[in-house]
Amino acid sequence: MSRINLEQLRTFLSVVRMGGVGKAAQALNLTQPAVTTRIRNLEQSLAADLFDRTGTGLRLTKRGELLLRHAEQFEQLGELVARDVIDPGGTEGHLRLGVSETIAQCWLPEFISRLHETFPKLEIEINVDISTNLRAALLDREIDLAVLLGPISEYSVDNLDLPGFDLAWYRAVDQVSSEAGFFDRPVITYARNTRPYRELKAELFQREGPGIPLFPSSSLSACFRLVEAGLGVAALPRALGAGYVAQGKIVEFDPGWTPSPLRFSVSYMGEPRSHMVAEAAQMAQDVAEQFEAHKIPL
């Protein structure tokens, strides 16, 4: 039997967990032919077929199921070595990070700075998207760490709670409400398929009645610009709006109620457990708490 290497076992585990070569290649940042070659070389080394290849996909053979248990043990030992032996400064790899735009505009730079300081050889890929897409990407193992409106209620996901973001109502500096009240103009809000949009829509209907148009947007910076231009009012994070208010671009107003704060979590797959990803998640929580305490200037 030829020697088996850890990269072959890692590739084998990824194919099993992702359900196919294509998704495994994306998760490993490899080409599909490279993944296929690793699996074939592993099968040749073991002189055994690990997968039944059918028209509907791949299914583990009995030999493949036996290897799966051993490969998971190797993986766990590797994580123990990474945790207890390897200096963080020598940690190499690729961290795929997904964050919501609220986080991207607040404490993401400080978080990335600390990650790079702790893991200087780590390649960090950043994806900014809405929480719905980030959740799907994490569960599909397309990203390693997600900072999103959470938590994610899945047994396979570990969540760390983060401080929330209070919302405030904003309007243009020269905007004067008519007799119709504060909501005589459209309400600019988060993207349509997000929790803040759904909750705000329901609250507006209950408190103000039907007929108030909503202008959803996936860009918070665009929301603030539209408010500044007097095209509508918006309930947006005070941590972001404070700078616009200080510059005299927009003003806060109080209609007598405010949507509930945005609650975020940093989430990652608990199995297989990655020491580096778990440490990055804890680092994100620490940075978020310091931001909340204003230890990091706005």
C-alpha atoms as a PDB file:
ATOM      1  CA  MET A   1       0.000   0.000   0.000  1.00  0.00           C
ATOM      2  CA  SER A   2       1.307   3.457  -0.917  1.00  0.00           C
ATOM      3  CA  ARG A   3       1.607   6.110   1.746  1.00  0.00           C
ATOM      4  CA  ILE A   4      -1.579   8.061   2.533  1.00  0.00           C
ATOM      5  CA  ASN A   5      -1.177  11.811   3.114  1.00  0.00           C
ATOM      6  CA  LEU A   6      -3.284  14.180   5.178  1.00  0.00           C
ATOM      7  CA  GLU A   7      -4.348  16.254   2.177  1.00  0.00           C
ATOM      8  CA  GLN A   8      -5.956  13.184   0.643  1.00  0.00           C
ATOM      9  CA  LEU A   9      -7.879  12.511   3.856  1.00  0.00           C
ATOM     10  CA  ARG A  10      -8.901  16.167   4.107  1.00  0.00           C
ATOM     11  CA  THR A  11     -10.160  16.067   0.529  1.00  0.00           C
ATOM     12  CA  PHE A  12     -12.030  12.829   1.183  1.00  0.00           C
ATOM     13  CA  LEU A  13     -13.769  14.376   4.204  1.00  0.00           C
ATOM     14  CA  SER A  14     -14.716  17.459   2.218  1.00  0.00           C
ATOM     15  CA  VAL A  15     -16.264  15.398  -0.592  1.00  0.00           C
ATOM     16  CA  VAL A  16     -18.301  13.426   1.956  1.00  0.00           C
ATOM     17  CA  ARG A  17     -19.500  16.532   3.818  1.00  0.00           C
ATOM     18  CA  MET A  18     -20.204  18.636   0.759  1.00  0.00           C
ATOM     19  CA  GLY A  19     -21.931  15.813  -1.062  1.00  0.00           C
ATOM     20  CA  GLY A  20     -19.866  15.965  -4.203  1.00  0.00           C
ATOM     21  CA  VAL A  21     -16.638  16.902  -5.939  1.00  0.00           C
ATOM     22  CA  GLY A  22     -17.804  20.306  -7.195  1.00  0.00           C
ATOM     23  CA  LYS A  23     -18.714  21.780  -3.820  1.00  0.00           C
ATOM     24  CA  ALA A  24     -15.681  20.176  -2.212  1.00  0.00           C
ATOM     25  CA  ALA A  25     -13.432  21.828  -4.787  1.00  0.00           C
ATOM     26  CA  GLN A  26     -14.975  25.212  -4.005  1.00  0.00           C
ATOM     27  CA  ALA A  27     -14.580  24.695  -0.256  1.00  0.00           C
ATOM     28  CA  LEU A  28     -10.949  23.627  -0.630  1.00  0.00           C
ATOM     29  CA  ASN A  29     -10.139  26.337  -3.179  1.00  0.00           C
ATOM     30  CA  LEU A  30      -9.099  23.677  -5.690  1.00  0.00           C
ATOM     31  CA  THR A  31     -10.153  22.697  -9.193  1.00  0.00           C
ATOM     32  CA  GLN A  32     -12.528  19.766  -9.653  1.00  0.00           C
ATOM     33  CA  PRO A  33      -9.865  17.713 -11.510  1.00  0.00           C
ATOM     34  CA  ALA A  34      -7.477  18.227  -8.587  1.00  0.00           C
ATOM     35  CA  VAL A  35     -10.076  16.908  -6.123  1.00  0.00           C
ATOM     36  CA  THR A  36     -10.899  13.966  -8.387  1.00  0.00           C
ATOM     37  CA  THR A  37      -7.197  13.108  -8.693  1.00  0.00           C
ATOM     38  CA  ARG A  38      -6.715  13.147  -4.928  1.00  0.00           C
ATOM     39  CA  ILE A  39      -9.661  10.813  -4.399  1.00  0.00           C
ATOM     40  CA  ARG A  40      -8.472   8.416  -7.114  1.00  0.00           C
ATOM     41  CA  ASN A  41      -4.931   8.379  -5.682  1.00  0.00           C
ATOM     42  CA  LEU A  42      -6.363   7.677  -2.229  1.00  0.00           C
ATOM     43  CA  GLU A  43      -8.421   4.783  -3.586  1.00  0.00           C
ATOM     44  CA  GLN A  44      -5.366   3.404  -5.359  1.00  0.00           C
ATOM     45  CA  SER A  45      -3.315   3.663  -2.161  1.00  0.00           C
ATOM     46  CA  LEU A  46      -5.987   1.741  -0.256  1.00  0.00           C
ATOM     47  CA  ALA A  47      -6.745  -0.648  -3.112  1.00  0.00           C
ATOM     48  CA  ALA A  48     -10.428  -0.018  -2.429  1.00  0.00           C
ATOM     49  CA  ASP A  49     -13.322   1.927  -3.906  1.00  0.00           C
ATOM     50  CA  LEU A  50     -14.487   4.565  -1.424  1.00  0.00           C
ATOM     51  CA  PHE A  51     -17.547   5.750  -3.338  1.00  0.00           C
ATOM     52  CA  ASP A  52     -20.275   4.174  -5.396  1.00  0.00           C
ATOM     53  CA  ARG A  53     -20.590   6.499  -8.371  1.00  0.00           C
ATOM     54  CA  THR A  54     -24.197   6.637  -9.537  1.00  0.00           C
ATOM     55  CA  GLY A  55     -26.210   8.919 -11.739  1.00  0.00           C
ATOM     56  CA  THR A  56     -27.531  10.726  -8.673  1.00  0.00           C
ATOM     57  CA  GLY A  57     -24.136  11.371  -7.086  1.00  0.00           C
ATOM     58  CA  LEU A  58     -21.636   9.728  -4.758  1.00  0.00           C
ATOM     59  CA  ARG A  59     -22.411   7.277  -1.987  1.00  0.00           C
ATOM     60  CA  LEU A  60     -19.914   5.827   0.459  1.00  0.00           C
ATOM     61  CA  THR A  61     -19.038   2.164   0.148  1.00  0.00           C
ATOM     62  CA  LYS A  62     -18.504   0.065   3.279  1.00  0.00           C
ATOM     63  CA  ARG A  63     -14.758   0.702   2.948  1.00  0.00           C
ATOM     64  CA  GLY A  64     -15.506   4.397   2.603  1.00  0.00           C
ATOM     65  CA  GLU A  65     -17.562   4.381   5.799  1.00  0.00           C
ATOM     66  CA  LEU A  66     -14.685   2.698   7.644  1.00  0.00           C
ATOM     67  CA  LEU A  67     -12.229   5.281   6.341  1.00  0.00           C
ATOM     68  CA  LEU A  68     -14.572   8.109   7.338  1.00  0.00           C
ATOM     69  CA  ARG A  69     -14.295   7.242  11.035  1.00  0.00           C
ATOM     70  CA  HIS A  70     -10.496   7.041  10.904  1.00  0.00           C
ATOM     71  CA  ALA A  71     -10.203  10.227   8.827  1.00  0.00           C
ATOM     72  CA  GLU A  72     -12.280  12.151  11.389  1.00  0.00           C
ATOM     73  CA  GLN A  73      -9.925  10.974  14.127  1.00  0.00           C
ATOM     74  CA  PHE A  74      -6.920  12.195  12.126  1.00  0.00           C
ATOM     75  CA  GLU A  75      -8.682  15.513  11.655  1.00  0.00           C
ATOM     76  CA  GLN A  76      -9.321  15.887  15.387  1.00  0.00           C
ATOM     77  CA  LEU A  77      -5.683  15.103  16.169  1.00  0.00           C
ATOM     78  CA  GLY A  78      -4.613  17.707  13.646  1.00  0.00           C
ATOM     79  CA  GLU A  79      -6.757  20.324  15.364  1.00  0.00           C
ATOM     80  CA  LEU A  80      -5.234  19.414  18.743  1.00  0.00           C
ATOM     81  CA  VAL A  81      -1.757  19.911  17.289  1.00  0.00           C
ATOM     82  CA  ALA A  82      -2.819  23.253  15.805  1.00  0.00           C
ATOM     83  CA  ARG A  83      -4.212  24.342  19.162  1.00  0.00           C
ATOM     84  CA  ASP A  84      -1.449  23.135  21.455  1.00  0.00           C
ATOM     85  CA  VAL A  85       1.747  23.110  19.380  1.00  0.00           C
ATOM     86  CA  ILE A  86       1.711  25.422  16.380  1.00  0.00           C
ATOM     87  CA  ASP A  87       2.546  29.078  17.004  1.00  0.00           C
ATOM     88  CA  PRO A  88      -0.393  31.227  15.737  1.00  0.00           C
ATOM     89  CA  GLY A  89       2.100  33.310  13.776  1.00  0.00           C
ATOM     90  CA  GLY A  90       2.910  30.234  11.719  1.00  0.00           C
ATOM     91  CA  THR A  91      -0.698  29.289  10.976  1.00  0.00           C
ATOM     92  CA  GLU A  92      -1.306  29.168   7.248  1.00  0.00           C
ATOM     93  CA  GLY A  93      -4.582  28.695   5.455  1.00  0.00           C
ATOM     94  CA  HIS A  94      -7.597  30.430   3.985  1.00  0.00           C
ATOM     95  CA  LEU A  95     -10.396  31.981   6.078  1.00  0.00           C
ATOM     96  CA  ARG A  96     -13.602  32.745   4.166  1.00  0.00           C
ATOM     97  CA  LEU A  97     -15.389  35.425   6.144  1.00  0.00           C
ATOM     98  CA  GLY A  98     -18.973  36.564   5.552  1.00  0.00           C
ATOM     99  CA  VAL A  99     -20.313  39.729   7.201  1.00  0.00           C
ATOM    100  CA  SER A 100     -23.435  41.848   7.006  1.00  0.00           C
ATOM    101  CA  GLU A 101     -23.029  45.438   5.839  1.00  0.00           C
ATOM    102  CA  THR A 102     -23.820  46.844   9.291  1.00  0.00           C
ATOM    103  CA  ILE A 103     -20.762  45.064  10.655  1.00  0.00           C
ATOM    104  CA  ALA A 104     -18.688  45.960   7.595  1.00  0.00           C
ATOM    105  CA  GLN A 105     -19.299  49.664   8.257  1.00  0.00           C
ATOM    106  CA  CYS A 106     -18.629  49.440  12.004  1.00  0.00           C
ATOM    107  CA  TRP A 107     -15.921  47.221  13.488  1.00  0.00           C
ATOM    108  CA  LEU A 108     -14.862  44.983  10.574  1.00  0.00           C
ATOM    109  CA  PRO A 109     -11.555  46.875   9.949  1.00  0.00           C
ATOM    110  CA  GLU A 110     -10.471  46.419  13.565  1.00  0.00           C
ATOM    111  CA  PHE A 111     -11.429  42.744  13.437  1.00  0.00           C
ATOM    112  CA  ILE A 112      -9.436  42.134  10.236  1.00  0.00           C
ATOM    113  CA  SER A 113      -6.474  43.990  11.733  1.00  0.00           C
ATOM    114  CA  ARG A 114      -6.459  41.736  14.786  1.00  0.00           C
ATOM    115  CA  LEU A 115      -6.874  38.612  12.685  1.00  0.00           C
ATOM    116  CA  HIS A 116      -3.896  39.579  10.547  1.00  0.00           C
ATOM    117  CA  GLU A 117      -1.833  40.447  13.619  1.00  0.00           C
ATOM    118  CA  THR A 118      -2.560  37.063  15.212  1.00  0.00           C
ATOM    119  CA  PHE A 119      -2.362  34.984  12.014  1.00  0.00           C
ATOM    120  CA  PRO A 120      -0.026  36.951   9.712  1.00  0.00           C
ATOM    121  CA  LYS A 121       0.210  34.110   7.172  1.00  0.00           C
ATOM    122  CA  LEU A 122      -3.552  33.606   6.966  1.00  0.00           C
ATOM    123  CA  GLU A 123      -5.288  34.534   3.706  1.00  0.00           C
ATOM    124  CA  ILE A 124      -8.576  36.269   4.512  1.00  0.00           C
ATOM    125  CA  GLU A 125     -11.401  36.422   1.975  1.00  0.00           C
ATOM    126  CA  ILE A 126     -14.236  38.838   2.826  1.00  0.00           C
ATOM    127  CA  ASN A 127     -17.786  38.604   1.515  1.00  0.00           C
ATOM    128  CA  VAL A 128     -20.331  41.306   2.439  1.00  0.00           C
ATOM    129  CA  ASP A 129     -23.925  40.179   1.972  1.00  0.00           C
ATOM    130  CA  ILE A 130     -27.349  40.077   3.608  1.00  0.00           C
ATOM    131  CA  SER A 131     -27.802  37.684   6.522  1.00  0.00           C
ATOM    132  CA  THR A 132     -30.103  35.301   4.628  1.00  0.00           C
ATOM    133  CA  ASN A 133     -27.420  34.637   2.037  1.00  0.00           C
ATOM    134  CA  LEU A 134     -24.676  34.398   4.663  1.00  0.00           C
ATOM    135  CA  ARG A 135     -26.644  31.773   6.579  1.00  0.00           C
ATOM    136  CA  ALA A 136     -27.078  29.675   3.442  1.00  0.00           C
ATOM    137  CA  ALA A 137     -23.404  30.056   2.536  1.00  0.00           C
ATOM    138  CA  LEU A 138     -22.292  28.910   5.987  1.00  0.00           C
ATOM    139  CA  LEU A 139     -24.558  25.858   5.984  1.00  0.00           C
ATOM    140  CA  ASP A 140     -23.331  24.999   2.479  1.00  0.00           C
ATOM    141  CA  ARG A 141     -19.753  25.410   3.808  1.00  0.00           C
ATOM    142  CA  GLU A 142     -19.014  28.108   1.245  1.00  0.00           C
ATOM    143  CA  ILE A 143     -17.765  30.375   4.047  1.00  0.00           C
ATOM    144  CA  ASP A 144     -16.062  29.495   7.333  1.00  0.00           C
ATOM    145  CA  LEU A 145     -17.271  32.279   9.610  1.00  0.00           C
ATOM    146  CA  ALA A 146     -20.405  34.432   9.411  1.00  0.00           C
ATOM    147  CA  VAL A 147     -21.208  37.634  11.294  1.00  0.00           C
ATOM    148  CA  LEU A 148     -24.912  38.090  10.719  1.00  0.00           C
ATOM    149  CA  LEU A 149     -28.346  38.682  12.180  1.00  0.00           C
ATOM    150  CA  GLY A 150     -28.563  35.530  14.222  1.00  0.00           C
ATOM    151  CA  PRO A 151     -28.197  33.156  15.809  1.00  0.00           C
ATOM    152  CA  ILE A 152     -28.452  30.245  13.382  1.00  0.00           C
ATOM    153  CA  SER A 153     -30.642  27.557  14.900  1.00  0.00           C
ATOM    154  CA  GLU A 154     -28.921  24.472  13.520  1.00  0.00           C
ATOM    155  CA  TYR A 155     -27.392  21.703  15.636  1.00  0.00           C
ATOM    156  CA  SER A 156     -24.222  21.790  13.525  1.00  0.00           C
ATOM    157  CA  VAL A 157     -23.584  25.523  14.085  1.00  0.00           C
ATOM    158  CA  ASP A 158     -21.893  27.202  17.051  1.00  0.00           C
ATOM    159  CA  ASN A 159     -23.020  30.769  17.798  1.00  0.00           C
ATOM    160  CA  LEU A 160     -21.525  33.530  19.907  1.00  0.00           C
ATOM    161  CA  ASP A 161     -23.865  36.407  20.757  1.00  0.00           C
ATOM    162  CA  LEU A 162     -22.729  39.918  19.881  1.00  0.00           C
ATOM    163  CA  PRO A 163     -23.879  43.286  21.237  1.00  0.00           C
ATOM    164  CA  GLY A 164     -26.904  44.674  19.416  1.00  0.00           C
ATOM    165  CA  PHE A 165     -27.284  47.887  17.434  1.00  0.00           C
ATOM    166  CA  ASP A 166     -29.924  50.388  18.535  1.00  0.00           C
ATOM    167  CA  LEU A 167     -31.921  51.949  15.710  1.00  0.00           C
ATOM    168  CA  ALA A 168     -32.991  55.570  15.364  1.00  0.00           C
ATOM    169  CA  TRP A 169     -35.291  57.409  12.962  1.00  0.00           C
ATOM    170  CA  TYR A 170     -33.648  59.841  10.536  1.00  0.00           C
ATOM    171  CA  ARG A 171     -34.908  62.480   8.110  1.00  0.00           C
ATOM    172  CA  ALA A 172     -33.375  65.196   5.937  1.00  0.00           C
ATOM    173  CA  VAL A 173     -32.280  68.386   7.672  1.00  0.00           C
ATOM    174  CA  ASP A 174     -34.757  70.588   5.795  1.00  0.00           C
ATOM    175  CA  GLN A 175     -37.637  68.100   5.788  1.00  0.00           C
ATOM    176  CA  VAL A 176     -40.812  69.326   7.503  1.00  0.00           C
ATOM    177  CA  SER A 177     -43.573  66.843   8.285  1.00  0.00           C
ATOM    178  CA  SER A 178     -46.994  67.597   6.896  1.00  0.00           C
ATOM    179  CA  GLU A 179     -50.288  67.161   8.693  1.00  0.00           C
ATOM    180  CA  ALA A 180     -50.110  63.496   7.712  1.00  0.00           C
ATOM    181  CA  GLY A 181     -47.357  63.062  10.281  1.00  0.00           C
ATOM    182  CA  PHE A 182     -43.831  61.738  10.219  1.00  0.00           C
ATOM    183  CA  PHE A 183     -44.513  59.136   7.564  1.00  0.00           C
ATOM    184  CA  ASP A 184     -45.786  61.303   4.737  1.00  0.00           C
ATOM    185  CA  ARG A 185     -42.807  60.111   2.706  1.00  0.00           C
ATOM    186  CA  PRO A 186     -41.553  56.601   1.912  1.00  0.00           C
ATOM    187  CA  VAL A 187     -39.713  54.624   4.557  1.00  0.00           C
ATOM    188  CA  ILE A 188     -36.266  53.542   3.401  1.00  0.00           C
ATOM    189  CA  THR A 189     -35.202  50.271   4.954  1.00  0.00           C
ATOM    190  CA  TYR A 190     -33.164  47.092   4.749  1.00  0.00           C
ATOM    191  CA  ALA A 191     -33.422  44.684   1.807  1.00  0.00           C
ATOM    192  CA  ARG A 192     -36.744  42.934   1.283  1.00  0.00           C
ATOM    193  CA  ASN A 193     -35.690  39.395   2.283  1.00  0.00           C
ATOM    194  CA  THR A 194     -34.266  40.388   5.683  1.00  0.00           C
ATOM    195  CA  ARG A 195     -35.611  40.241   9.215  1.00  0.00           C
ATOM    196  CA  PRO A 196     -35.394  44.045   9.809  1.00  0.00           C
ATOM    197  CA  TYR A 197     -37.515  44.653   6.691  1.00  0.00           C
ATOM    198  CA  ARG A 198     -40.156  42.146   7.760  1.00  0.00           C
ATOM    199  CA  GLU A 199     -40.335  43.428  11.339  1.00  0.00           C
ATOM    200  CA  LEU A 200     -40.459  47.087  10.292  1.00  0.00           C
ATOM    201  CA  LYS A 201     -43.197  46.399   7.725  1.00  0.00           C
ATOM    202  CA  ALA A 202     -45.331  44.648  10.358  1.00  0.00           C
ATOM    203  CA  GLU A 203     -44.735  47.397  12.937  1.00  0.00           C
ATOM    204  CA  LEU A 204     -45.608  50.174  10.481  1.00  0.00           C
ATOM    205  CA  PHE A 205     -48.823  48.427   9.509  1.00  0.00           C
ATOM    206  CA  GLN A 206     -49.829  47.983  13.140  1.00  0.00           C
ATOM    207  CA  ARG A 207     -48.953  51.517  14.263  1.00  0.00           C
ATOM    208  CA  GLU A 208     -49.482  53.659  11.166  1.00  0.00           C
ATOM    209  CA  GLY A 209     -51.857  51.582   9.065  1.00  0.00           C
ATOM    210  CA  PRO A 210     -51.563  50.478   5.414  1.00  0.00           C
ATOM    211  CA  GLY A 211     -50.415  52.595   2.526  1.00  0.00           C
ATOM    212  CA  ILE A 212     -46.919  53.664   3.653  1.00  0.00           C
ATOM    213  CA  PRO A 213     -44.536  52.825   0.796  1.00  0.00           C
ATOM    214  CA  LEU A 214     -41.301  51.036   1.646  1.00  0.00           C
ATOM    215  CA  PHE A 215     -38.085  51.525  -0.314  1.00  0.00           C
ATOM    216  CA  PRO A 216     -35.878  48.501   0.534  1.00  0.00           C
ATOM    217  CA  SER A 217     -32.164  48.655  -0.184  1.00  0.00           C
ATOM    218  CA  SER A 218     -29.263  46.244   0.320  1.00  0.00           C
ATOM    219  CA  SER A 219     -26.876  49.186   0.844  1.00  0.00           C
ATOM    220  CA  LEU A 220     -26.875  51.083   4.130  1.00  0.00           C
ATOM    221  CA  SER A 221     -24.776  53.872   2.672  1.00  0.00           C
ATOM    222  CA  ALA A 222     -27.402  54.288  -0.064  1.00  0.00           C
ATOM    223  CA  CYS A 223     -30.129  54.444   2.615  1.00  0.00           C
ATOM    224  CA  PHE A 224     -28.380  57.327   4.353  1.00  0.00           C
ATOM    225  CA  ARG A 225     -27.834  59.156   1.057  1.00  0.00           C
ATOM    226  CA  LEU A 226     -31.525  58.830   0.159  1.00  0.00           C
ATOM    227  CA  VAL A 227     -32.516  60.198   3.568  1.00  0.00           C
ATOM    228  CA  GLU A 228     -30.064  63.068   3.151  1.00  0.00           C
ATOM    229  CA  ALA A 229     -31.631  63.875  -0.223  1.00  0.00           C
ATOM    230  CA  GLY A 230     -35.065  64.084   1.401  1.00  0.00           C
ATOM    231  CA  LEU A 231     -36.481  61.117  -0.507  1.00  0.00           C
ATOM    232  CA  GLY A 232     -37.725  59.385   2.614  1.00  0.00           C
ATOM    233  CA  VAL A 233     -37.199  58.624   6.288  1.00  0.00           C
ATOM    234  CA  ALA A 234     -35.430  55.594   7.727  1.00  0.00           C
ATOM    235  CA  ALA A 235     -34.807  53.632  10.919  1.00  0.00           C
ATOM    236  CA  LEU A 236     -31.092  52.824  10.784  1.00  0.00           C
ATOM    237  CA  PRO A 237     -28.307  51.932  13.258  1.00  0.00           C
ATOM    238  CA  ARG A 238     -27.455  54.869  15.502  1.00  0.00           C
ATOM    239  CA  ALA A 239     -23.803  53.783  15.492  1.00  0.00           C
ATOM    240  CA  LEU A 240     -23.719  54.636  11.783  1.00  0.00           C
ATOM    241  CA  GLY A 241     -26.136  57.561  11.795  1.00  0.00           C
ATOM    242  CA  ALA A 242     -24.258  59.513  14.471  1.00  0.00           C
ATOM    243  CA  GLY A 243     -21.559  60.536  12.000  1.00  0.00           C
ATOM    244  CA  TYR A 244     -24.085  61.861   9.474  1.00  0.00           C
ATOM    245  CA  VAL A 245     -25.876  63.807  12.220  1.00  0.00           C
ATOM    246  CA  ALA A 246     -22.603  65.312  13.466  1.00  0.00           C
ATOM    247  CA  GLN A 247     -21.855  66.504   9.937  1.00  0.00           C
ATOM    248  CA  GLY A 248     -25.285  68.160   9.704  1.00  0.00           C
ATOM    249  CA  LYS A 249     -26.406  65.925   6.828  1.00  0.00           C
ATOM    250  CA  ILE A 250     -29.451  64.366   8.541  1.00  0.00           C
ATOM    251  CA  VAL A 251     -31.293  64.691  11.848  1.00  0.00           C
ATOM    252  CA  GLU A 252     -32.954  62.254  14.221  1.00  0.00           C
ATOM    253  CA  PHE A 253     -36.683  62.464  14.904  1.00  0.00           C
ATOM    254  CA  ASP A 254     -38.963  60.650  17.336  1.00  0.00           C
ATOM    255  CA  PRO A 255     -42.335  59.350  16.103  1.00  0.00           C
ATOM    256  CA  GLY A 256     -42.966  57.813  19.514  1.00  0.00           C
ATOM    257  CA  TRP A 257     -41.606  54.353  18.724  1.00  0.00           C
ATOM    258  CA  THR A 258     -38.476  52.717  17.352  1.00  0.00           C
ATOM    259  CA  PRO A 259     -37.947  49.226  15.906  1.00  0.00           C
ATOM    260  CA  SER A 260     -36.193  46.729  18.162  1.00  0.00           C
ATOM    261  CA  PRO A 261     -32.372  46.648  18.099  1.00  0.00           C
ATOM    262  CA  LEU A 262     -30.548  44.503  15.578  1.00  0.00           C
ATOM    263  CA  ARG A 263     -29.160  41.343  17.178  1.00  0.00           C
ATOM    264  CA  PHE A 264     -26.070  39.778  15.642  1.00  0.00           C
ATOM    265  CA  SER A 265     -24.067  36.624  16.200  1.00  0.00           C
ATOM    266  CA  VAL A 266     -20.786  35.241  14.946  1.00  0.00           C
ATOM    267  CA  SER A 267     -21.483  31.726  13.700  1.00  0.00           C
ATOM    268  CA  TYR A 268     -19.394  28.831  12.429  1.00  0.00           C
ATOM    269  CA  MET A 269     -19.700  25.102  11.830  1.00  0.00           C
ATOM    270  CA  GLY A 270     -19.045  23.167  15.009  1.00  0.00           C
ATOM    271  CA  GLU A 271     -18.125  19.991  13.127  1.00  0.00           C
ATOM    272  CA  PRO A 272     -15.459  19.633  11.960  1.00  0.00           C
ATOM    273  CA  ARG A 273     -14.095  21.961  14.605  1.00  0.00           C
ATOM    274  CA  SER A 274     -11.362  24.329  13.494  1.00  0.00           C
ATOM    275  CA  HIS A 275      -9.246  25.848  16.247  1.00  0.00           C
ATOM    276  CA  MET A 276      -8.378  28.785  14.019  1.00  0.00           C
ATOM    277  CA  VAL A 277     -12.016  29.517  13.105  1.00  0.00           C
ATOM    278  CA  ALA A 278     -13.137  29.193  16.747  1.00  0.00           C
ATOM    279  CA  GLU A 279     -10.402  31.604  17.837  1.00  0.00           C
ATOM    280  CA  ALA A 280     -11.395  34.035  15.081  1.00  0.00           C
ATOM    281  CA  ALA A 281     -15.006  33.885  16.304  1.00  0.00           C
ATOM    282  CA  GLN A 282     -13.941  34.696  19.849  1.00  0.00           C
ATOM    283  CA  MET A 283     -11.852  37.551  18.516  1.00  0.00           C
ATOM    284  CA  ALA A 284     -14.893  38.937  16.668  1.00  0.00           C
ATOM    285  CA  GLN A 285     -16.916  38.829  19.871  1.00  0.00           C
ATOM    286  CA  ASP A 286     -14.166  40.670  21.773  1.00  0.00           C
ATOM    287  CA  VAL A 287     -13.922  43.389  19.105  1.00  0.00           C
ATOM    288  CA  ALA A 288     -17.714  43.814  19.020  1.00  0.00           C
ATOM    289  CA  GLU A 289     -17.883  44.201  22.801  1.00  0.00           C
ATOM    290  CA  GLN A 290     -15.082  46.779  22.756  1.00  0.00           C
ATOM    291  CA  PHE A 291     -16.866  48.669  19.991  1.00  0.00           C
ATOM    292  CA  GLU A 292     -20.034  48.669  22.083  1.00  0.00           C
ATOM    293  CA  ALA A 293     -18.079  50.030  25.059  1.00  0.00           C
ATOM    294  CA  HIS A 294     -16.617  52.764  22.785  1.00  0.00           C
ATOM    295  CA  LYS A 295     -13.110  51.513  23.330  1.00  0.00           C
ATOM    296  CA  ILE A 296     -12.825  51.582  19.549  1.00  0.00           C
ATOM    297  CA  PRO A 297     -13.586  55.122  18.310  1.00  0.00           C
ATOM    298  CA  LEU A 298     -16.473  55.557  15.885  1.00  0.00           C
END
